[in-house]
């Protein structure tokens, strides 16, 4: 009887530990995969990538960052030199809803709520030549739940919106002077 009680207590403790661990560790964004097969884990570390550019629409503020392979290519003159970006190039467009700063002594909008990461990955063996070898995905962020989700809409920007910049290897944002 004593042995059964200890075993039940050990099992109950193990269940509580597992439940506690799942409550402490929020959803792992890097486990997500887009409908097109792009894994968010391919962009691990994007939070520390170098800034390429920024952009503003009526709805969102955007900061465009790139991995070291793409930054090196930009610095080497891509895509202005007529060459395509090398395989392994990755870029992320990070988007926030803007708000007016309540602290600045002048009128300025600052990022408020993060909304999504639009990502592109160059792999000419894996992705369509029609898209210049680029794969596209969108990962949405929902602030109330503090969770990312892979956008369920298939993203094929190369033959749609990015075709306008085909001559720049499908990249809208130039590397900005510093």
C-alpha atoms as a PDB file:
ATOM      1  CA  UNK A   1       0.000   0.000   0.000  1.00  0.00           C
ATOM      2  CA  UNK A   2       2.788   2.398   0.921  1.00  0.00           C
ATOM      3  CA  UNK A   3       4.558   1.701  -2.377  1.00  0.00           C
ATOM      4  CA  UNK A   4       1.364   2.339  -4.419  1.00  0.00           C
ATOM      5  CA  UNK A   5       0.835   5.667  -2.673  1.00  0.00           C
ATOM      6  CA  UNK A   6       4.376   6.801  -3.438  1.00  0.00           C
ATOM      7  CA  UNK A   7       3.951   5.773  -7.074  1.00  0.00           C
ATOM      8  CA  UNK A   8       0.681   7.716  -7.388  1.00  0.00           C
ATOM      9  CA  UNK A   9       2.249  10.775  -5.761  1.00  0.00           C
ATOM     10  CA  UNK A  10       5.206  10.568  -8.157  1.00  0.00           C
ATOM     11  CA  UNK A  11       2.860  10.313 -11.165  1.00  0.00           C
ATOM     12  CA  UNK A  12       0.745  13.240  -9.955  1.00  0.00           C
ATOM     13  CA  UNK A  13       3.897  15.313  -9.425  1.00  0.00           C
ATOM     14  CA  UNK A  14       5.114  14.491 -12.954  1.00  0.00           C
ATOM     15  CA  UNK A  15       1.770  15.573 -14.445  1.00  0.00           C
ATOM     16  CA  UNK A  16       1.877  18.835 -12.481  1.00  0.00           C
ATOM     17  CA  UNK A  17       5.434  19.515 -13.647  1.00  0.00           C
ATOM     18  CA  UNK A  18       4.417  18.968 -17.285  1.00  0.00           C
ATOM     19  CA  UNK A  19       1.345  21.189 -16.927  1.00  0.00           C
ATOM     20  CA  UNK A  20       3.410  23.862 -15.212  1.00  0.00           C
ATOM     21  CA  UNK A  21       6.061  23.743 -17.925  1.00  0.00           C
ATOM     22  CA  UNK A  22       3.492  24.183 -20.669  1.00  0.00           C
ATOM     23  CA  UNK A  23       1.980  27.156 -18.839  1.00  0.00           C
ATOM     24  CA  UNK A  24       5.392  28.794 -18.354  1.00  0.00           C
ATOM     25  CA  UNK A  25       6.622  28.247 -21.939  1.00  0.00           C
ATOM     26  CA  UNK A  26       4.447  30.124 -24.425  1.00  0.00           C
ATOM     27  CA  UNK A  27       3.857  28.863 -27.937  1.00  0.00           C
ATOM     28  CA  UNK A  28       7.105  28.332 -29.798  1.00  0.00           C
ATOM     29  CA  UNK A  29       6.857  30.495 -32.908  1.00  0.00           C
ATOM     30  CA  UNK A  30       9.717  28.638 -34.522  1.00  0.00           C
ATOM     31  CA  UNK A  31       7.605  25.477 -34.758  1.00  0.00           C
ATOM     32  CA  UNK A  32       5.303  27.136 -37.331  1.00  0.00           C
ATOM     33  CA  UNK A  33       5.317  26.342 -41.037  1.00  0.00           C
ATOM     34  CA  UNK A  34       3.564  28.238 -43.835  1.00  0.00           C
ATOM     35  CA  UNK A  35       1.224  26.543 -46.338  1.00  0.00           C
ATOM     36  CA  UNK A  36       4.040  26.916 -48.892  1.00  0.00           C
ATOM     37  CA  UNK A  37       6.409  24.956 -46.662  1.00  0.00           C
ATOM     38  CA  UNK A  38       8.505  27.805 -45.288  1.00  0.00           C
ATOM     39  CA  UNK A  39       9.372  27.219 -41.644  1.00  0.00           C
ATOM     40  CA  UNK A  40       9.557  30.175 -39.279  1.00  0.00           C
ATOM     41  CA  UNK A  41      12.617  28.424 -37.836  1.00  0.00           C
ATOM     42  CA  UNK A  42      14.434  29.260 -41.113  1.00  0.00           C
ATOM     43  CA  UNK A  43      14.386  32.850 -39.828  1.00  0.00           C
ATOM     44  CA  UNK A  44      15.571  32.164 -36.289  1.00  0.00           C
ATOM     45  CA  UNK A  45      17.505  35.159 -35.014  1.00  0.00           C
ATOM     46  CA  UNK A  46      15.761  37.660 -37.314  1.00  0.00           C
ATOM     47  CA  UNK A  47      15.286  39.886 -34.282  1.00  0.00           C
ATOM     48  CA  UNK A  48      19.025  40.679 -34.453  1.00  0.00           C
ATOM     49  CA  UNK A  49      19.454  41.010 -38.229  1.00  0.00           C
ATOM     50  CA  UNK A  50      20.672  44.284 -39.754  1.00  0.00           C
ATOM     51  CA  UNK A  51      18.197  46.869 -40.974  1.00  0.00           C
ATOM     52  CA  UNK A  52      17.898  47.232 -44.741  1.00  0.00           C
ATOM     53  CA  UNK A  53      15.204  49.880 -44.909  1.00  0.00           C
ATOM     54  CA  UNK A  54      11.924  51.075 -43.478  1.00  0.00           C
ATOM     55  CA  UNK A  55       8.554  51.830 -45.013  1.00  0.00           C
ATOM     56  CA  UNK A  56       5.229  53.349 -44.041  1.00  0.00           C
ATOM     57  CA  UNK A  57       1.717  52.791 -45.326  1.00  0.00           C
ATOM     58  CA  UNK A  58      -1.476  54.293 -43.964  1.00  0.00           C
ATOM     59  CA  UNK A  59      -1.933  51.199 -41.807  1.00  0.00           C
ATOM     60  CA  UNK A  60       1.519  49.978 -40.768  1.00  0.00           C
ATOM     61  CA  UNK A  61       5.107  50.890 -39.982  1.00  0.00           C
ATOM     62  CA  UNK A  62       7.618  48.454 -41.465  1.00  0.00           C
ATOM     63  CA  UNK A  63      11.218  47.685 -40.718  1.00  0.00           C
ATOM     64  CA  UNK A  64      12.969  45.492 -43.265  1.00  0.00           C
ATOM     65  CA  UNK A  65      15.835  43.363 -41.949  1.00  0.00           C
ATOM     66  CA  UNK A  66      18.090  40.834 -43.684  1.00  0.00           C
ATOM     67  CA  UNK A  67      20.371  37.990 -42.691  1.00  0.00           C
ATOM     68  CA  UNK A  68      24.173  38.356 -42.997  1.00  0.00           C
ATOM     69  CA  UNK A  69      24.267  36.618 -46.423  1.00  0.00           C
ATOM     70  CA  UNK A  70      21.867  39.170 -47.883  1.00  0.00           C
ATOM     71  CA  UNK A  71      23.494  42.134 -46.135  1.00  0.00           C
ATOM     72  CA  UNK A  72      26.860  41.127 -47.626  1.00  0.00           C
ATOM     73  CA  UNK A  73      25.230  40.885 -51.073  1.00  0.00           C
ATOM     74  CA  UNK A  74      23.708  44.363 -50.648  1.00  0.00           C
ATOM     75  CA  UNK A  75      27.110  45.760 -49.658  1.00  0.00           C
ATOM     76  CA  UNK A  76      28.676  44.026 -52.687  1.00  0.00           C
ATOM     77  CA  UNK A  77      26.277  45.921 -54.967  1.00  0.00           C
ATOM     78  CA  UNK A  78      23.376  43.481 -55.366  1.00  0.00           C
ATOM     79  CA  UNK A  79      20.931  43.827 -57.043  1.00  0.00           C
ATOM     80  CA  UNK A  80      22.093  47.025 -58.762  1.00  0.00           C
ATOM     81  CA  UNK A  81      25.000  45.156 -60.332  1.00  0.00           C
ATOM     82  CA  UNK A  82      22.528  43.012 -62.277  1.00  0.00           C
ATOM     83  CA  UNK A  83      23.268  39.850 -60.325  1.00  0.00           C
ATOM     84  CA  UNK A  84      20.656  37.925 -58.353  1.00  0.00           C
ATOM     85  CA  UNK A  85      20.964  37.514 -54.605  1.00  0.00           C
ATOM     86  CA  UNK A  86      22.711  34.266 -53.618  1.00  0.00           C
ATOM     87  CA  UNK A  87      20.837  31.267 -52.283  1.00  0.00           C
ATOM     88  CA  UNK A  88      20.553  31.523 -48.519  1.00  0.00           C
ATOM     89  CA  UNK A  89      19.566  35.200 -48.647  1.00  0.00           C
ATOM     90  CA  UNK A  90      16.701  35.942 -46.255  1.00  0.00           C
ATOM     91  CA  UNK A  91      14.735  39.082 -45.576  1.00  0.00           C
ATOM     92  CA  UNK A  92      11.939  39.868 -43.113  1.00  0.00           C
ATOM     93  CA  UNK A  93       9.495  42.747 -43.224  1.00  0.00           C
ATOM     94  CA  UNK A  94       8.418  43.370 -39.615  1.00  0.00           C
ATOM     95  CA  UNK A  95       5.157  45.281 -39.310  1.00  0.00           C
ATOM     96  CA  UNK A  96       3.603  47.289 -36.486  1.00  0.00           C
ATOM     97  CA  UNK A  97       0.436  49.311 -36.128  1.00  0.00           C
ATOM     98  CA  UNK A  98       1.556  52.880 -35.460  1.00  0.00           C
ATOM     99  CA  UNK A  99       0.598  55.226 -32.654  1.00  0.00           C
ATOM    100  CA  UNK A 100       1.423  58.831 -31.916  1.00  0.00           C
ATOM    101  CA  UNK A 101       4.146  59.219 -29.351  1.00  0.00           C
ATOM    102  CA  UNK A 102       2.871  60.700 -26.117  1.00  0.00           C
ATOM    103  CA  UNK A 103       6.420  61.378 -24.934  1.00  0.00           C
ATOM    104  CA  UNK A 104       8.139  63.155 -27.823  1.00  0.00           C
ATOM    105  CA  UNK A 105       7.949  66.968 -27.807  1.00  0.00           C
ATOM    106  CA  UNK A 106       7.125  66.843 -31.558  1.00  0.00           C
ATOM    107  CA  UNK A 107       4.663  64.939 -33.721  1.00  0.00           C
ATOM    108  CA  UNK A 108       5.974  61.460 -34.436  1.00  0.00           C
ATOM    109  CA  UNK A 109       4.464  58.032 -34.892  1.00  0.00           C
ATOM    110  CA  UNK A 110       6.134  55.062 -33.241  1.00  0.00           C
ATOM    111  CA  UNK A 111       5.486  51.320 -33.359  1.00  0.00           C
ATOM    112  CA  UNK A 112       2.610  50.199 -31.169  1.00  0.00           C
ATOM    113  CA  UNK A 113       1.352  46.658 -31.672  1.00  0.00           C
ATOM    114  CA  UNK A 114       3.405  44.178 -33.664  1.00  0.00           C
ATOM    115  CA  UNK A 115       1.198  42.571 -36.336  1.00  0.00           C
ATOM    116  CA  UNK A 116       3.202  40.321 -38.646  1.00  0.00           C
ATOM    117  CA  UNK A 117       6.439  39.140 -40.144  1.00  0.00           C
ATOM    118  CA  UNK A 118       6.457  38.837 -43.930  1.00  0.00           C
ATOM    119  CA  UNK A 119       9.464  36.724 -44.870  1.00  0.00           C
ATOM    120  CA  UNK A 120      11.321  35.830 -48.071  1.00  0.00           C
ATOM    121  CA  UNK A 121      13.918  33.130 -48.555  1.00  0.00           C
ATOM    122  CA  UNK A 122      16.106  32.603 -51.648  1.00  0.00           C
ATOM    123  CA  UNK A 123      16.579  28.965 -52.641  1.00  0.00           C
ATOM    124  CA  UNK A 124      16.618  28.514 -56.408  1.00  0.00           C
ATOM    125  CA  UNK A 125      16.427  24.723 -56.109  1.00  0.00           C
ATOM    126  CA  UNK A 126      13.404  24.759 -53.815  1.00  0.00           C
ATOM    127  CA  UNK A 127      11.333  27.683 -55.085  1.00  0.00           C
ATOM    128  CA  UNK A 128       9.900  28.476 -58.509  1.00  0.00           C
ATOM    129  CA  UNK A 129      12.033  30.144 -61.166  1.00  0.00           C
ATOM    130  CA  UNK A 130       8.903  32.218 -61.930  1.00  0.00           C
ATOM    131  CA  UNK A 131       9.463  33.830 -58.521  1.00  0.00           C
ATOM    132  CA  UNK A 132      13.202  34.234 -59.042  1.00  0.00           C
ATOM    133  CA  UNK A 133      13.893  31.364 -56.647  1.00  0.00           C
ATOM    134  CA  UNK A 134      12.255  33.199 -53.743  1.00  0.00           C
ATOM    135  CA  UNK A 135       9.812  31.642 -51.289  1.00  0.00           C
ATOM    136  CA  UNK A 136       7.349  33.827 -49.422  1.00  0.00           C
ATOM    137  CA  UNK A 137       5.431  33.436 -46.143  1.00  0.00           C
ATOM    138  CA  UNK A 138       3.499  35.522 -43.650  1.00  0.00           C
ATOM    139  CA  UNK A 139       3.436  34.867 -39.926  1.00  0.00           C
ATOM    140  CA  UNK A 140       0.746  36.864 -38.113  1.00  0.00           C
ATOM    141  CA  UNK A 141       1.043  37.950 -34.505  1.00  0.00           C
ATOM    142  CA  UNK A 142      -1.925  38.332 -32.189  1.00  0.00           C
ATOM    143  CA  UNK A 143      -1.052  40.486 -29.192  1.00  0.00           C
ATOM    144  CA  UNK A 144      -3.943  39.433 -26.914  1.00  0.00           C
ATOM    145  CA  UNK A 145      -2.838  35.778 -26.999  1.00  0.00           C
ATOM    146  CA  UNK A 146       0.881  36.562 -27.510  1.00  0.00           C
ATOM    147  CA  UNK A 147       0.954  33.982 -30.322  1.00  0.00           C
ATOM    148  CA  UNK A 148       2.142  33.762 -33.885  1.00  0.00           C
ATOM    149  CA  UNK A 149       0.239  31.838 -36.551  1.00  0.00           C
ATOM    150  CA  UNK A 150       1.196  30.928 -40.081  1.00  0.00           C
ATOM    151  CA  UNK A 151      -1.064  32.850 -42.437  1.00  0.00           C
ATOM    152  CA  UNK A 152      -3.302  30.281 -44.102  1.00  0.00           C
ATOM    153  CA  UNK A 153      -3.349  32.121 -47.424  1.00  0.00           C
ATOM    154  CA  UNK A 154      -0.765  30.796 -49.857  1.00  0.00           C
ATOM    155  CA  UNK A 155       1.722  33.569 -50.544  1.00  0.00           C
ATOM    156  CA  UNK A 156       3.034  33.849 -54.095  1.00  0.00           C
ATOM    157  CA  UNK A 157       4.291  37.392 -54.318  1.00  0.00           C
ATOM    158  CA  UNK A 158       6.878  36.946 -57.039  1.00  0.00           C
ATOM    159  CA  UNK A 159       4.398  36.500 -59.844  1.00  0.00           C
ATOM    160  CA  UNK A 160       1.957  38.944 -58.230  1.00  0.00           C
ATOM    161  CA  UNK A 161       3.162  41.986 -56.334  1.00  0.00           C
ATOM    162  CA  UNK A 162       6.944  41.537 -56.588  1.00  0.00           C
ATOM    163  CA  UNK A 163       6.975  41.188 -60.383  1.00  0.00           C
ATOM    164  CA  UNK A 164       7.250  45.000 -60.585  1.00  0.00           C
ATOM    165  CA  UNK A 165      10.788  44.686 -59.193  1.00  0.00           C
ATOM    166  CA  UNK A 166      11.864  41.583 -61.113  1.00  0.00           C
ATOM    167  CA  UNK A 167      14.906  43.497 -62.433  1.00  0.00           C
ATOM    168  CA  UNK A 168      15.979  44.025 -58.791  1.00  0.00           C
ATOM    169  CA  UNK A 169      15.681  40.287 -58.060  1.00  0.00           C
ATOM    170  CA  UNK A 170      12.163  40.812 -56.661  1.00  0.00           C
ATOM    171  CA  UNK A 171      13.296  43.089 -53.814  1.00  0.00           C
ATOM    172  CA  UNK A 172      11.446  46.382 -53.285  1.00  0.00           C
ATOM    173  CA  UNK A 173      13.574  47.915 -50.576  1.00  0.00           C
ATOM    174  CA  UNK A 174      17.113  49.050 -51.352  1.00  0.00           C
ATOM    175  CA  UNK A 175      19.831  48.909 -48.753  1.00  0.00           C
ATOM    176  CA  UNK A 176      19.822  52.414 -47.308  1.00  0.00           C
ATOM    177  CA  UNK A 177      22.944  54.532 -46.874  1.00  0.00           C
ATOM    178  CA  UNK A 178      24.006  55.030 -43.272  1.00  0.00           C
END
